[in-house]
Amino acid sequence: MHLNTVIFDMDGLLIDSEPYWQQAGMETLQQFSASLTPHQYHHTTGLRTPEWLDYWFSHFGISKDLIPDATAQLHENVIEKIKTMAAPMPGIDYIFAYFKERNFRIGLATSSPLSLVDEVVEKLGIGHFLEAIASAEHLPYGKPHPQVYMDCAQALGVNPLDCCCFEDSFNGLVAAKAARMKCVVIPTPDQYDLAKWGAADLKLQSLADFDLSLFP
């Protein structure tokens, strides 16, 4: 195994933003008298906002003509929440230093809009580590499609087979594996024991637990 590149997801992995995505999403749906169970919400974690809204608007019979305005409103809401309230995930300082010391190329591949990426990168102070940032915001398909990971590898000038990805969502895991990359998953505690994570190369409880020697 020859790995020389690491690509990180962002939301729920580097920053504890998922609670605020969930709040903003729930607040948007509540405007249409719709609500989700936690299980329903986790089912669509990792999708881009328009796809997330399309899925649930279809489920609840809400007019899809309202998706563009709902997307803009949800993004404005979640960016403000994350900017003011979201905290870094445990182990973020360790993991970036770990790969930098080993001369890995470092990138970020996310479903989130670039407006949020800019806020998070600044908030976490990780801009100097990142050699490439890829967003699925304007791609034809988001995760679980692998394009955003392939785009990030191309921007870094590396072979996807030499990449290791870090993810917290199943849709992200599928995207990383479809791009033919190694994938480390760090699920939320309430999702940690689900069998679906068996598709990953490695499952951990924290970024701080990672070491290359753990790969099978």
Protein backbone atom coordinates (compact mmCIF):
# COMPACT_ATOMS: atom_id res chain seq x y z
CA MET A 1 0.00 0.00 0.00
CA HIS A 2 1.45 3.34 -1.07
CA LEU A 3 -0.46 6.33 0.26
CA ASN A 4 0.79 9.87 -0.20
CA THR A 5 -2.39 11.94 -0.03
CA VAL A 6 -5.17 12.52 2.47
CA ILE A 7 -8.54 14.07 1.63
CA PHE A 8 -10.92 15.16 4.36
CA ASP A 9 -14.65 15.61 4.36
CA MET A 10 -15.67 18.68 6.36
CA ASP A 11 -19.07 18.73 8.08
CA GLY A 12 -19.30 16.39 11.04
CA LEU A 13 -15.68 15.32 10.59
CA LEU A 14 -13.54 18.43 11.07
CA ILE A 15 -16.17 20.62 12.67
CA ASP A 16 -19.18 19.70 14.79
CA SER A 17 -21.58 21.21 12.31
CA GLU A 18 -24.07 18.39 11.82
CA PRO A 19 -26.30 19.48 14.75
CA TYR A 20 -26.63 22.88 13.08
CA TRP A 21 -27.31 21.41 9.65
CA GLN A 22 -29.99 19.32 11.33
CA GLN A 23 -31.46 22.33 13.12
CA ALA A 24 -31.48 24.43 9.95
CA GLY A 25 -32.98 21.59 7.93
CA MET A 26 -35.67 20.93 10.53
CA GLU A 27 -36.50 24.64 10.71
CA THR A 28 -36.88 24.74 6.93
CA LEU A 29 -39.18 21.69 6.89
CA GLN A 30 -41.21 23.03 9.81
CA GLN A 31 -42.23 25.95 7.62
CA PHE A 32 -44.10 23.35 5.57
CA SER A 33 -45.51 21.51 8.62
CA ALA A 34 -43.08 18.60 8.15
CA SER A 35 -40.65 17.00 10.60
CA LEU A 36 -38.11 14.17 10.65
CA THR A 37 -37.11 11.50 13.12
CA PRO A 38 -33.36 11.24 13.90
CA HIS A 39 -33.24 8.01 11.88
CA GLN A 40 -34.77 9.74 8.86
CA TYR A 41 -32.33 12.61 9.15
CA HIS A 42 -29.25 10.36 9.29
CA HIS A 43 -30.47 8.52 6.19
CA THR A 44 -29.78 11.61 4.06
CA THR A 45 -26.69 12.97 5.82
CA GLY A 46 -23.99 13.91 3.31
CA LEU A 47 -26.34 15.00 0.52
CA ARG A 48 -26.13 18.50 -0.91
CA THR A 49 -28.88 20.84 0.28
CA PRO A 50 -30.89 20.86 -3.00
CA GLU A 51 -30.81 17.05 -3.11
CA TRP A 52 -31.66 16.84 0.58
CA LEU A 53 -34.64 19.13 0.06
CA ASP A 54 -35.67 17.32 -3.12
CA TYR A 55 -35.72 14.01 -1.25
CA TRP A 56 -37.80 15.29 1.68
CA PHE A 57 -40.04 17.56 -0.37
CA SER A 58 -40.92 14.48 -2.44
CA HIS A 59 -41.50 12.47 0.74
CA PHE A 60 -43.83 15.07 2.21
CA GLY A 61 -45.48 16.17 -1.03
CA ILE A 62 -44.10 19.71 -0.94
CA SER A 63 -43.83 21.61 -4.23
CA LYS A 64 -40.33 21.38 -5.65
CA ASP A 65 -40.69 24.85 -7.12
CA LEU A 66 -39.88 26.07 -3.61
CA ILE A 67 -36.48 24.34 -3.45
CA PRO A 68 -34.28 27.21 -4.75
CA ASP A 69 -35.59 29.70 -2.19
CA ALA A 70 -35.54 27.07 0.57
CA THR A 71 -31.92 26.20 -0.29
CA ALA A 72 -30.79 29.83 -0.05
CA GLN A 73 -32.61 30.29 3.24
CA LEU A 74 -31.25 27.08 4.74
CA HIS A 75 -27.67 27.97 3.73
CA GLU A 76 -27.92 31.45 5.24
CA ASN A 77 -29.31 29.94 8.44
CA VAL A 78 -26.71 27.16 8.78
CA ILE A 79 -23.71 29.36 7.94
CA GLU A 80 -24.63 31.77 10.73
CA LYS A 81 -25.16 28.90 13.19
CA ILE A 82 -21.85 27.21 12.34
CA LYS A 83 -19.92 30.48 12.29
CA THR A 84 -21.07 31.44 15.77
CA MET A 85 -21.58 28.11 17.56
CA ALA A 86 -19.86 25.09 15.95
CA ALA A 87 -16.72 23.69 17.62
CA PRO A 88 -13.75 21.82 16.11
CA MET A 89 -13.97 18.04 16.32
CA PRO A 90 -11.59 16.26 18.71
CA GLY A 91 -8.23 15.40 17.17
CA ILE A 92 -8.21 18.00 14.39
CA ASP A 93 -4.85 19.47 15.43
CA TYR A 94 -3.35 15.99 15.74
CA ILE A 95 -4.54 14.70 12.37
CA PHE A 96 -3.34 17.64 10.27
CA ALA A 97 0.05 17.66 12.00
CA TYR A 98 0.30 13.87 11.59
CA PHE A 99 -0.05 14.01 7.82
CA LYS A 100 1.97 17.21 7.39
CA GLU A 101 4.92 15.61 9.23
CA ARG A 102 4.76 12.68 6.79
CA ASN A 103 4.72 14.97 3.74
CA PHE A 104 1.25 13.92 2.61
CA ARG A 105 -0.61 16.08 0.13
CA ILE A 106 -3.71 17.36 1.92
CA GLY A 107 -7.09 18.23 0.39
CA LEU A 108 -10.70 18.77 1.35
CA ALA A 109 -13.74 17.41 -0.53
CA THR A 110 -17.17 18.44 0.63
CA SER A 111 -20.81 18.60 -0.41
CA SER A 112 -21.15 21.98 1.28
CA PRO A 113 -21.20 25.30 -0.60
CA LEU A 114 -17.92 27.19 -0.89
CA SER A 115 -19.37 30.06 1.14
CA LEU A 116 -19.53 27.71 4.13
CA VAL A 117 -16.16 26.10 3.34
CA ASP A 118 -14.49 29.52 3.54
CA GLU A 119 -16.05 30.19 6.94
CA VAL A 120 -15.06 26.80 8.35
CA VAL A 121 -11.49 26.86 7.01
CA GLU A 122 -10.98 30.28 8.58
CA LYS A 123 -12.67 29.28 11.84
CA LEU A 124 -10.49 26.16 12.19
CA GLY A 125 -7.29 27.84 11.00
CA ILE A 126 -6.44 25.01 8.58
CA GLY A 127 -6.02 26.96 5.35
CA HIS A 128 -2.21 26.63 5.36
CA PHE A 129 -2.52 22.82 5.38
CA LEU A 130 -4.85 22.55 2.40
CA GLU A 131 -3.40 22.27 -1.09
CA ALA A 132 -6.79 21.78 -2.78
CA ILE A 133 -10.45 22.27 -1.93
CA ALA A 134 -13.21 20.62 -3.96
CA SER A 135 -16.91 21.33 -3.46
CA ALA A 136 -19.77 19.43 -5.04
CA GLU A 137 -21.91 22.58 -4.88
CA HIS A 138 -22.05 23.04 -8.67
CA LEU A 139 -21.34 19.49 -9.85
CA PRO A 140 -24.04 17.51 -11.69
CA TYR A 141 -24.06 15.04 -8.79
CA GLY A 142 -22.94 15.21 -5.18
CA LYS A 143 -21.97 12.43 -2.79
CA PRO A 144 -22.50 9.43 -2.94
CA HIS A 145 -21.24 10.15 -6.49
CA PRO A 146 -17.40 10.09 -6.43
CA GLN A 147 -16.82 13.16 -8.61
CA VAL A 148 -15.93 15.57 -5.80
CA TYR A 149 -13.22 13.19 -4.56
CA MET A 150 -11.92 12.61 -8.08
CA ASP A 151 -11.83 16.37 -8.66
CA CYS A 152 -9.86 16.89 -5.46
CA ALA A 153 -7.32 14.20 -6.44
CA GLN A 154 -6.96 15.80 -9.87
CA ALA A 155 -6.41 19.24 -8.32
CA LEU A 156 -3.72 17.73 -6.11
CA GLY A 157 -2.14 15.99 -9.09
CA VAL A 158 -2.32 12.53 -7.51
CA ASN A 159 -3.65 9.08 -8.36
CA PRO A 160 -6.91 8.25 -6.52
CA LEU A 161 -5.36 4.89 -5.59
CA ASP A 162 -2.77 6.78 -3.51
CA CYS A 163 -5.42 8.63 -1.48
CA CYS A 164 -6.88 8.05 1.95
CA CYS A 165 -10.18 9.77 2.76
CA PHE A 166 -11.79 10.58 6.09
CA GLU A 167 -15.59 10.57 6.30
CA ASP A 168 -18.37 10.61 8.87
CA SER A 169 -21.36 9.82 6.62
CA PHE A 170 -22.34 6.72 4.68
CA ASN A 171 -22.95 8.74 1.51
CA GLY A 172 -19.41 10.08 1.83
CA LEU A 173 -18.02 6.59 2.41
CA VAL A 174 -19.70 5.34 -0.77
CA ALA A 175 -18.29 8.31 -2.70
CA ALA A 176 -14.75 7.70 -1.45
CA LYS A 177 -14.81 3.98 -2.22
CA ALA A 178 -16.34 4.60 -5.66
CA ALA A 179 -13.37 6.90 -6.33
CA ARG A 180 -11.14 3.87 -5.50
CA MET A 181 -9.69 5.49 -2.40
CA LYS A 182 -9.03 4.13 1.07
CA CYS A 183 -11.63 5.41 3.52
CA VAL A 184 -11.55 5.94 7.28
CA VAL A 185 -14.96 6.53 8.86
CA ILE A 186 -15.63 8.28 12.15
CA PRO A 187 -19.38 7.84 12.72
CA THR A 188 -21.38 9.66 15.35
CA PRO A 189 -21.61 7.66 18.62
CA ASP A 190 -25.27 6.74 18.07
CA GLN A 191 -24.42 5.36 14.59
CA TYR A 192 -21.07 3.76 15.43
CA ASP A 193 -22.22 0.13 15.74
CA LEU A 194 -24.22 -0.02 12.50
CA ALA A 195 -23.17 -2.79 10.12
CA LYS A 196 -22.99 -0.46 7.11
CA TRP A 197 -19.62 0.92 8.23
CA GLY A 198 -18.11 -2.45 7.36
CA ALA A 199 -17.63 -1.06 3.85
CA ALA A 200 -14.88 1.23 5.18
CA ASP A 201 -11.21 0.31 5.38
CA LEU A 202 -11.05 1.51 8.98
CA LYS A 203 -13.56 2.72 11.60
CA LEU A 204 -12.50 4.93 14.50
CA GLN A 205 -14.11 6.92 17.28
CA SER A 206 -11.94 10.02 16.82
CA LEU A 207 -9.45 11.65 14.48
CA ALA A 208 -7.01 11.43 17.38
CA ASP A 209 -7.06 7.61 17.19
CA PHE A 210 -5.64 7.38 13.67
CA ASP A 211 -2.32 5.83 12.75
CA LEU A 212 -1.31 4.45 9.35
CA SER A 213 -0.33 1.17 11.00
CA LEU A 214 -4.01 0.52 11.75
CA PHE A 215 -4.83 -0.17 8.10
CA PRO A 216 -5.32 -3.91 7.46
